[in-house]
Amino acid sequence: MNGDGFFVGGGVTIKVSGLTKLYRTSAEEVRALKGIQWEVRAGEAVALMGPSGCGKTTLLNLLGGVDRPTEGKIVVGDQELTTLKERDLEKYRLVGVGFVFQFFNLIPTLTALENVEFPMLISGATSEKHYRRAEGLLQMVGLGEKLHKRPEELSGGEQQRVAVAVALANDPSLILADEPTGNLDSENTQAIANLFASLAGSYGKTVVMASHDPKALEQFDKVFRMRDGQFV
């Protein structure tokens, strides 16, 4: 293992071509993405900026295998997501991708440690291994003294740090963050943004973060602006 021993794998390349996503309702058709072309190198920390409804979340959902495109191709590492069967996509979401959201999505009845252990339990890790790794990840994000606190006993910034540790539990190559600082004050915003940037800079992970806040993106390698389902 490299660094402090938590991460074995590095990042992955992302290649997107002709990516289109349509949402149809009885009243209208919404074109959320309009045939975009895009590439991210392995180990880069890149950001997506743009107004609400511009396509940032749709793109993240497609990269994470949560949704499928209407047209186009998505290649993450050596996997073409658009051709994967649902079972393979489930494995990809569990092991290949770490998700962090604006709302922390922690299980309220579990402690911080148990929340981080949970994805590893699902993936089949042994109890001794997942306990040691969860403890180490929480120490890495500055919560070594709050392992046994439940989410309601933590501040917003602390809950988001737990959410980052949860995302890293299975050593994913790709970290996707959708407005992770949207509910945080300026101090915690900067701390979380720095943490994401360090995942690329120090550990070689590929990080894609969507945000409205320019200050949250100062540490990122590249910032891509989106408007009306396209890069501008």
C-alpha atoms as a PDB file:
ATOM      1  CA  MET A   1       0.000   0.000   0.000  1.00  0.00           C
ATOM      2  CA  ASN A   2       1.103   3.562  -0.617  1.00  0.00           C
ATOM      3  CA  GLY A   3       0.974   6.647   1.564  1.00  0.00           C
ATOM      4  CA  ASP A   4      -0.444   5.850   4.979  1.00  0.00           C
ATOM      5  CA  GLY A   5      -1.535   2.377   3.919  1.00  0.00           C
ATOM      6  CA  PHE A   6      -5.190   3.041   3.156  1.00  0.00           C
ATOM      7  CA  PHE A   7      -5.042   3.074  -0.635  1.00  0.00           C
ATOM      8  CA  VAL A   8      -3.786   0.382  -2.988  1.00  0.00           C
ATOM      9  CA  GLY A   9      -5.130   1.594  -6.330  1.00  0.00           C
ATOM     10  CA  GLY A  10      -4.692   4.921  -8.072  1.00  0.00           C
ATOM     11  CA  GLY A  11      -7.125   6.799 -10.244  1.00  0.00           C
ATOM     12  CA  VAL A  12      -8.740   6.073 -13.586  1.00  0.00           C
ATOM     13  CA  THR A  13      -9.141   7.928 -16.850  1.00  0.00           C
ATOM     14  CA  ILE A  14     -12.586   9.133 -17.908  1.00  0.00           C
ATOM     15  CA  LYS A  15     -13.517   9.414 -21.576  1.00  0.00           C
ATOM     16  CA  VAL A  16     -16.966  10.612 -22.593  1.00  0.00           C
ATOM     17  CA  SER A  17     -18.127  10.935 -26.188  1.00  0.00           C
ATOM     18  CA  GLY A  18     -21.445  11.991 -27.705  1.00  0.00           C
ATOM     19  CA  LEU A  19     -23.062  11.840 -24.271  1.00  0.00           C
ATOM     20  CA  THR A  20     -26.745  12.724 -24.344  1.00  0.00           C
ATOM     21  CA  LYS A  21     -29.394  12.318 -21.669  1.00  0.00           C
ATOM     22  CA  LEU A  22     -33.090  12.938 -22.243  1.00  0.00           C
ATOM     23  CA  TYR A  23     -35.776  12.929 -19.590  1.00  0.00           C
ATOM     24  CA  ARG A  24     -39.289  12.541 -20.900  1.00  0.00           C
ATOM     25  CA  THR A  25     -42.506  13.390 -19.088  1.00  0.00           C
ATOM     26  CA  SER A  26     -46.053  13.434 -20.338  1.00  0.00           C
ATOM     27  CA  ALA A  27     -45.756  17.174 -20.915  1.00  0.00           C
ATOM     28  CA  GLU A  28     -42.240  17.698 -22.236  1.00  0.00           C
ATOM     29  CA  GLU A  29     -38.818  16.359 -23.124  1.00  0.00           C
ATOM     30  CA  VAL A  30     -35.821  17.717 -21.202  1.00  0.00           C
ATOM     31  CA  ARG A  31     -32.380  17.373 -22.767  1.00  0.00           C
ATOM     32  CA  ALA A  32     -30.137  17.344 -19.679  1.00  0.00           C
ATOM     33  CA  LEU A  33     -26.916  16.629 -21.617  1.00  0.00           C
ATOM     34  CA  LYS A  34     -26.373  17.484 -25.254  1.00  0.00           C
ATOM     35  CA  GLY A  35     -23.797  15.240 -26.895  1.00  0.00           C
ATOM     36  CA  ILE A  36     -20.822  16.246 -24.765  1.00  0.00           C
ATOM     37  CA  GLN A  37     -17.196  15.224 -25.338  1.00  0.00           C
ATOM     38  CA  TRP A  38     -14.941  15.154 -22.262  1.00  0.00           C
ATOM     39  CA  GLU A  39     -11.787  13.586 -20.905  1.00  0.00           C
ATOM     40  CA  VAL A  40     -10.161  13.446 -17.468  1.00  0.00           C
ATOM     41  CA  ARG A  41      -6.731  11.998 -16.803  1.00  0.00           C
ATOM     42  CA  ALA A  42      -6.105   9.462 -14.047  1.00  0.00           C
ATOM     43  CA  GLY A  43      -5.224  11.151 -10.777  1.00  0.00           C
ATOM     44  CA  GLU A  44      -6.687  14.553 -11.638  1.00  0.00           C
ATOM     45  CA  ALA A  45      -8.945  16.571  -9.368  1.00  0.00           C
ATOM     46  CA  VAL A  46     -11.425  18.369 -11.621  1.00  0.00           C
ATOM     47  CA  ALA A  47     -14.461  20.470 -10.843  1.00  0.00           C
ATOM     48  CA  LEU A  48     -17.772  21.145 -12.550  1.00  0.00           C
ATOM     49  CA  MET A  49     -19.341  24.576 -12.169  1.00  0.00           C
ATOM     50  CA  GLY A  50     -22.596  25.975 -13.442  1.00  0.00           C
ATOM     51  CA  PRO A  51     -26.122  26.989 -12.429  1.00  0.00           C
ATOM     52  CA  SER A  52     -28.707  24.549 -11.158  1.00  0.00           C
ATOM     53  CA  GLY A  53     -30.112  22.456 -13.984  1.00  0.00           C
ATOM     54  CA  CYS A  54     -27.031  22.788 -16.187  1.00  0.00           C
ATOM     55  CA  GLY A  55     -26.312  19.039 -16.183  1.00  0.00           C
ATOM     56  CA  LYS A  56     -23.688  18.638 -13.440  1.00  0.00           C
ATOM     57  CA  THR A  57     -25.629  16.132 -11.350  1.00  0.00           C
ATOM     58  CA  THR A  58     -26.778  14.236 -14.443  1.00  0.00           C
ATOM     59  CA  LEU A  59     -23.165  13.851 -15.557  1.00  0.00           C
ATOM     60  CA  LEU A  60     -22.064  12.649 -12.115  1.00  0.00           C
ATOM     61  CA  ASN A  61     -24.909  10.114 -12.014  1.00  0.00           C
ATOM     62  CA  LEU A  62     -23.864   8.748 -15.396  1.00  0.00           C
ATOM     63  CA  LEU A  63     -20.193   8.544 -14.402  1.00  0.00           C
ATOM     64  CA  GLY A  64     -21.196   6.735 -11.232  1.00  0.00           C
ATOM     65  CA  GLY A  65     -23.341   4.158 -13.000  1.00  0.00           C
ATOM     66  CA  VAL A  66     -26.451   5.370 -11.199  1.00  0.00           C
ATOM     67  CA  ASP A  67     -28.171   6.198 -14.486  1.00  0.00           C
ATOM     68  CA  ARG A  68     -27.683   5.267 -18.137  1.00  0.00           C
ATOM     69  CA  PRO A  69     -27.305   7.716 -21.029  1.00  0.00           C
ATOM     70  CA  THR A  70     -29.791   8.054 -23.848  1.00  0.00           C
ATOM     71  CA  GLU A  71     -26.911   8.134 -26.342  1.00  0.00           C
ATOM     72  CA  GLY A  72     -23.128   8.156 -26.248  1.00  0.00           C
ATOM     73  CA  LYS A  73     -20.272   6.339 -24.573  1.00  0.00           C
ATOM     74  CA  ILE A  74     -18.693   6.492 -21.110  1.00  0.00           C
ATOM     75  CA  VAL A  75     -15.369   4.746 -20.521  1.00  0.00           C
ATOM     76  CA  VAL A  76     -13.969   4.769 -16.974  1.00  0.00           C
ATOM     77  CA  GLY A  77     -10.603   3.075 -16.818  1.00  0.00           C
ATOM     78  CA  ASP A  78     -11.002  -0.075 -18.883  1.00  0.00           C
ATOM     79  CA  GLN A  79     -14.770  -0.315 -18.417  1.00  0.00           C
ATOM     80  CA  GLU A  80     -17.321   0.957 -20.889  1.00  0.00           C
ATOM     81  CA  LEU A  81     -20.214   1.682 -18.565  1.00  0.00           C
ATOM     82  CA  THR A  82     -22.788   1.839 -21.333  1.00  0.00           C
ATOM     83  CA  THR A  83     -22.288  -1.861 -22.103  1.00  0.00           C
ATOM     84  CA  LEU A  84     -22.214  -3.212 -18.538  1.00  0.00           C
ATOM     85  CA  LYS A  85     -25.039  -5.385 -17.268  1.00  0.00           C
ATOM     86  CA  GLU A  86     -26.836  -4.267 -14.123  1.00  0.00           C
ATOM     87  CA  ARG A  87     -24.995  -6.756 -11.895  1.00  0.00           C
ATOM     88  CA  ASP A  88     -21.637  -5.451 -13.140  1.00  0.00           C
ATOM     89  CA  LEU A  89     -22.798  -1.879 -12.607  1.00  0.00           C
ATOM     90  CA  GLU A  90     -23.706  -2.728  -9.021  1.00  0.00           C
ATOM     91  CA  LYS A  91     -20.167  -4.002  -8.418  1.00  0.00           C
ATOM     92  CA  TYR A  92     -18.734  -0.912 -10.099  1.00  0.00           C
ATOM     93  CA  ARG A  93     -20.807   1.374  -7.840  1.00  0.00           C
ATOM     94  CA  LEU A  94     -19.808  -0.529  -4.703  1.00  0.00           C
ATOM     95  CA  VAL A  95     -16.082  -0.907  -5.311  1.00  0.00           C
ATOM     96  CA  GLY A  96     -15.072   1.392  -8.167  1.00  0.00           C
ATOM     97  CA  VAL A  97     -16.742   4.654  -7.153  1.00  0.00           C
ATOM     98  CA  GLY A  98     -17.004   6.683  -3.967  1.00  0.00           C
ATOM     99  CA  PHE A  99     -19.999   9.044  -3.774  1.00  0.00           C
ATOM    100  CA  VAL A 100     -20.258  12.152  -1.592  1.00  0.00           C
ATOM    101  CA  PHE A 101     -23.391  14.309  -1.624  1.00  0.00           C
ATOM    102  CA  GLN A 102     -24.576  17.645  -0.245  1.00  0.00           C
ATOM    103  CA  PHE A 103     -26.779  15.816   2.247  1.00  0.00           C
ATOM    104  CA  PHE A 104     -24.541  13.496   4.159  1.00  0.00           C
ATOM    105  CA  ASN A 105     -26.547  10.282   3.645  1.00  0.00           C
ATOM    106  CA  LEU A 106     -25.290   8.694   6.846  1.00  0.00           C
ATOM    107  CA  ILE A 107     -27.273   5.990   8.629  1.00  0.00           C
ATOM    108  CA  PRO A 108     -28.528   7.812  11.745  1.00  0.00           C
ATOM    109  CA  THR A 109     -28.621   4.769  14.026  1.00  0.00           C
ATOM    110  CA  LEU A 110     -24.980   3.850  13.353  1.00  0.00           C
ATOM    111  CA  THR A 111     -21.846   5.435  14.773  1.00  0.00           C
ATOM    112  CA  ALA A 112     -19.276   7.120  12.548  1.00  0.00           C
ATOM    113  CA  LEU A 113     -17.160   3.967  12.684  1.00  0.00           C
ATOM    114  CA  GLU A 114     -20.112   1.723  11.806  1.00  0.00           C
ATOM    115  CA  ASN A 115     -21.116   3.975   8.898  1.00  0.00           C
ATOM    116  CA  VAL A 116     -17.636   3.621   7.406  1.00  0.00           C
ATOM    117  CA  GLU A 117     -17.582  -0.127   8.033  1.00  0.00           C
ATOM    118  CA  PHE A 118     -20.920  -0.658   6.291  1.00  0.00           C
ATOM    119  CA  PRO A 119     -19.752  -0.535   2.620  1.00  0.00           C
ATOM    120  CA  MET A 120     -16.920  -2.916   3.474  1.00  0.00           C
ATOM    121  CA  LEU A 121     -19.334  -5.360   5.083  1.00  0.00           C
ATOM    122  CA  ILE A 122     -21.401  -5.364   1.898  1.00  0.00           C
ATOM    123  CA  SER A 123     -18.305  -6.017  -0.210  1.00  0.00           C
ATOM    124  CA  GLY A 124     -17.303  -8.992   1.956  1.00  0.00           C
ATOM    125  CA  ALA A 125     -14.334  -7.663   3.929  1.00  0.00           C
ATOM    126  CA  THR A 126     -13.442  -9.480   7.155  1.00  0.00           C
ATOM    127  CA  SER A 127     -14.539  -7.865  10.401  1.00  0.00           C
ATOM    128  CA  GLU A 128     -10.968  -7.283  11.622  1.00  0.00           C
ATOM    129  CA  LYS A 129      -9.937  -5.665   8.341  1.00  0.00           C
ATOM    130  CA  HIS A 130     -12.944  -3.365   8.029  1.00  0.00           C
ATOM    131  CA  TYR A 131     -12.684  -2.230  11.645  1.00  0.00           C
ATOM    132  CA  ARG A 132      -9.017  -1.271  11.313  1.00  0.00           C
ATOM    133  CA  ARG A 133      -9.579   0.439   7.963  1.00  0.00           C
ATOM    134  CA  ALA A 134     -12.631   2.379   9.162  1.00  0.00           C
ATOM    135  CA  GLU A 135     -10.741   3.558  12.232  1.00  0.00           C
ATOM    136  CA  GLY A 136      -7.783   4.621  10.088  1.00  0.00           C
ATOM    137  CA  LEU A 137      -9.905   6.490   7.562  1.00  0.00           C
ATOM    138  CA  LEU A 138     -11.699   8.423  10.282  1.00  0.00           C
ATOM    139  CA  GLN A 139      -8.359   9.362  11.792  1.00  0.00           C
ATOM    140  CA  MET A 140      -7.210  10.497   8.347  1.00  0.00           C
ATOM    141  CA  VAL A 141     -10.164  12.909   8.047  1.00  0.00           C
ATOM    142  CA  GLY A 142      -9.584  14.245  11.560  1.00  0.00           C
ATOM    143  CA  LEU A 143     -12.234  12.320  13.495  1.00  0.00           C
ATOM    144  CA  GLY A 144     -10.097   9.871  15.430  1.00  0.00           C
ATOM    145  CA  GLU A 145     -11.656  10.993  18.700  1.00  0.00           C
ATOM    146  CA  LYS A 146     -15.255  10.699  17.488  1.00  0.00           C
ATOM    147  CA  LEU A 147     -15.392   7.135  16.188  1.00  0.00           C
ATOM    148  CA  HIS A 148     -18.362   6.192  18.332  1.00  0.00           C
ATOM    149  CA  LYS A 149     -20.466   9.318  17.857  1.00  0.00           C
ATOM    150  CA  ARG A 150     -23.722   9.059  15.916  1.00  0.00           C
ATOM    151  CA  PRO A 151     -24.462  11.607  13.156  1.00  0.00           C
ATOM    152  CA  GLU A 152     -26.759  13.683  15.396  1.00  0.00           C
ATOM    153  CA  GLU A 153     -23.829  14.165  17.789  1.00  0.00           C
ATOM    154  CA  LEU A 154     -21.578  15.595  15.068  1.00  0.00           C
ATOM    155  CA  SER A 155     -21.461  18.995  13.399  1.00  0.00           C
ATOM    156  CA  GLY A 156     -22.243  19.395   9.711  1.00  0.00           C
ATOM    157  CA  GLY A 157     -18.557  19.555   8.823  1.00  0.00           C
ATOM    158  CA  GLU A 158     -17.844  16.448  10.865  1.00  0.00           C
ATOM    159  CA  GLN A 159     -20.707  14.557   9.240  1.00  0.00           C
ATOM    160  CA  GLN A 160     -19.341  15.427   5.810  1.00  0.00           C
ATOM    161  CA  ARG A 161     -15.915  14.144   6.880  1.00  0.00           C
ATOM    162  CA  VAL A 162     -17.563  10.865   7.859  1.00  0.00           C
ATOM    163  CA  ALA A 163     -19.273  10.810   4.459  1.00  0.00           C
ATOM    164  CA  VAL A 164     -15.880  11.213   2.770  1.00  0.00           C
ATOM    165  CA  ALA A 165     -14.494   8.320   4.807  1.00  0.00           C
ATOM    166  CA  VAL A 166     -17.524   6.217   3.802  1.00  0.00           C
ATOM    167  CA  ALA A 167     -16.833   7.034   0.149  1.00  0.00           C
ATOM    168  CA  LEU A 168     -13.227   5.862   0.556  1.00  0.00           C
ATOM    169  CA  ALA A 169     -14.073   2.666   2.412  1.00  0.00           C
ATOM    170  CA  ASN A 170     -13.612   0.259  -0.510  1.00  0.00           C
ATOM    171  CA  ASP A 171     -10.586   2.083  -1.982  1.00  0.00           C
ATOM    172  CA  PRO A 172     -12.375   3.344  -5.127  1.00  0.00           C
ATOM    173  CA  SER A 173     -10.435   4.724  -8.074  1.00  0.00           C
ATOM    174  CA  LEU A 174     -13.012   7.448  -8.773  1.00  0.00           C
ATOM    175  CA  ILE A 175     -14.475   9.905  -6.247  1.00  0.00           C
ATOM    176  CA  LEU A 176     -17.634  11.780  -7.272  1.00  0.00           C
ATOM    177  CA  ALA A 177     -18.846  14.657  -5.107  1.00  0.00           C
ATOM    178  CA  ASP A 178     -22.080  16.537  -5.786  1.00  0.00           C
ATOM    179  CA  GLU A 179     -22.154  19.901  -3.964  1.00  0.00           C
ATOM    180  CA  PRO A 180     -20.429  18.387  -0.897  1.00  0.00           C
ATOM    181  CA  THR A 181     -19.848  21.801   0.671  1.00  0.00           C
ATOM    182  CA  GLY A 182     -23.324  23.198   0.018  1.00  0.00           C
ATOM    183  CA  ASN A 183     -24.413  22.955   3.665  1.00  0.00           C
ATOM    184  CA  LEU A 184     -21.099  23.956   5.260  1.00  0.00           C
ATOM    185  CA  ASP A 185     -19.616  27.205   6.520  1.00  0.00           C
ATOM    186  CA  SER A 186     -16.591  28.743   4.825  1.00  0.00           C
ATOM    187  CA  GLU A 187     -14.020  27.124   7.122  1.00  0.00           C
ATOM    188  CA  ASN A 188     -15.428  23.623   6.657  1.00  0.00           C
ATOM    189  CA  THR A 189     -15.924  24.252   2.942  1.00  0.00           C
ATOM    190  CA  GLN A 190     -12.223  24.936   2.531  1.00  0.00           C
ATOM    191  CA  ALA A 191     -11.245  21.935   4.661  1.00  0.00           C
ATOM    192  CA  ILE A 192     -13.437  19.528   2.694  1.00  0.00           C
ATOM    193  CA  ALA A 193     -12.278  20.954  -0.649  1.00  0.00           C
ATOM    194  CA  ASN A 194      -8.644  20.574   0.416  1.00  0.00           C
ATOM    195  CA  LEU A 195      -9.337  16.994   1.448  1.00  0.00           C
ATOM    196  CA  PHE A 196     -10.766  16.149  -1.974  1.00  0.00           C
ATOM    197  CA  ALA A 197      -7.836  17.785  -3.755  1.00  0.00           C
ATOM    198  CA  SER A 198      -5.397  15.835  -1.587  1.00  0.00           C
ATOM    199  CA  LEU A 199      -7.031  12.549  -2.604  1.00  0.00           C
ATOM    200  CA  ALA A 200      -5.743  13.248  -6.110  1.00  0.00           C
ATOM    201  CA  GLY A 201      -2.497  15.004  -5.223  1.00  0.00           C
ATOM    202  CA  SER A 202      -1.351  12.664  -2.450  1.00  0.00           C
ATOM    203  CA  TYR A 203      -3.031   9.363  -3.319  1.00  0.00           C
ATOM    204  CA  GLY A 204      -3.565   9.517  -7.087  1.00  0.00           C
ATOM    205  CA  LYS A 205      -7.348   9.178  -7.022  1.00  0.00           C
ATOM    206  CA  THR A 206      -9.455  10.682  -9.791  1.00  0.00           C
ATOM    207  CA  VAL A 207     -11.815  13.254  -8.254  1.00  0.00           C
ATOM    208  CA  VAL A 208     -14.758  15.004  -9.930  1.00  0.00           C
ATOM    209  CA  MET A 209     -16.594  17.550  -7.783  1.00  0.00           C
ATOM    210  CA  ALA A 210     -19.586  19.713  -8.683  1.00  0.00           C
ATOM    211  CA  SER A 211     -19.960  22.995  -6.862  1.00  0.00           C
ATOM    212  CA  HIS A 212     -21.451  26.487  -7.068  1.00  0.00           C
ATOM    213  CA  ASP A 213     -18.727  27.937  -4.858  1.00  0.00           C
ATOM    214  CA  PRO A 214     -15.562  29.192  -6.628  1.00  0.00           C
ATOM    215  CA  LYS A 215     -13.654  29.270  -3.318  1.00  0.00           C
ATOM    216  CA  ALA A 216     -14.223  25.539  -2.900  1.00  0.00           C
ATOM    217  CA  LEU A 217     -12.417  24.863  -6.175  1.00  0.00           C
ATOM    218  CA  GLU A 218      -9.180  26.798  -5.757  1.00  0.00           C
ATOM    219  CA  GLN A 219      -7.158  23.624  -5.115  1.00  0.00           C
ATOM    220  CA  PHE A 220      -8.478  21.739  -8.146  1.00  0.00           C
ATOM    221  CA  ASP A 221      -6.395  21.008 -11.246  1.00  0.00           C
ATOM    222  CA  LYS A 222      -9.101  22.075 -13.696  1.00  0.00           C
ATOM    223  CA  VAL A 223     -12.524  23.702 -13.569  1.00  0.00           C
ATOM    224  CA  PHE A 224     -15.065  22.926 -16.311  1.00  0.00           C
ATOM    225  CA  ARG A 225     -18.051  25.236 -16.653  1.00  0.00           C
ATOM    226  CA  MET A 226     -21.412  23.877 -17.777  1.00  0.00           C
ATOM    227  CA  ARG A 227     -24.534  25.557 -19.099  1.00  0.00           C
ATOM    228  CA  ASP A 228     -27.656  24.029 -20.660  1.00  0.00           C
ATOM    229  CA  GLY A 229     -26.242  20.506 -20.801  1.00  0.00           C
ATOM    230  CA  GLN A 230     -22.934  21.442 -22.410  1.00  0.00           C
ATOM    231  CA  PHE A 231     -19.421  22.560 -21.489  1.00  0.00           C
ATOM    232  CA  VAL A 232     -18.771  26.237 -22.168  1.00  0.00           C
END
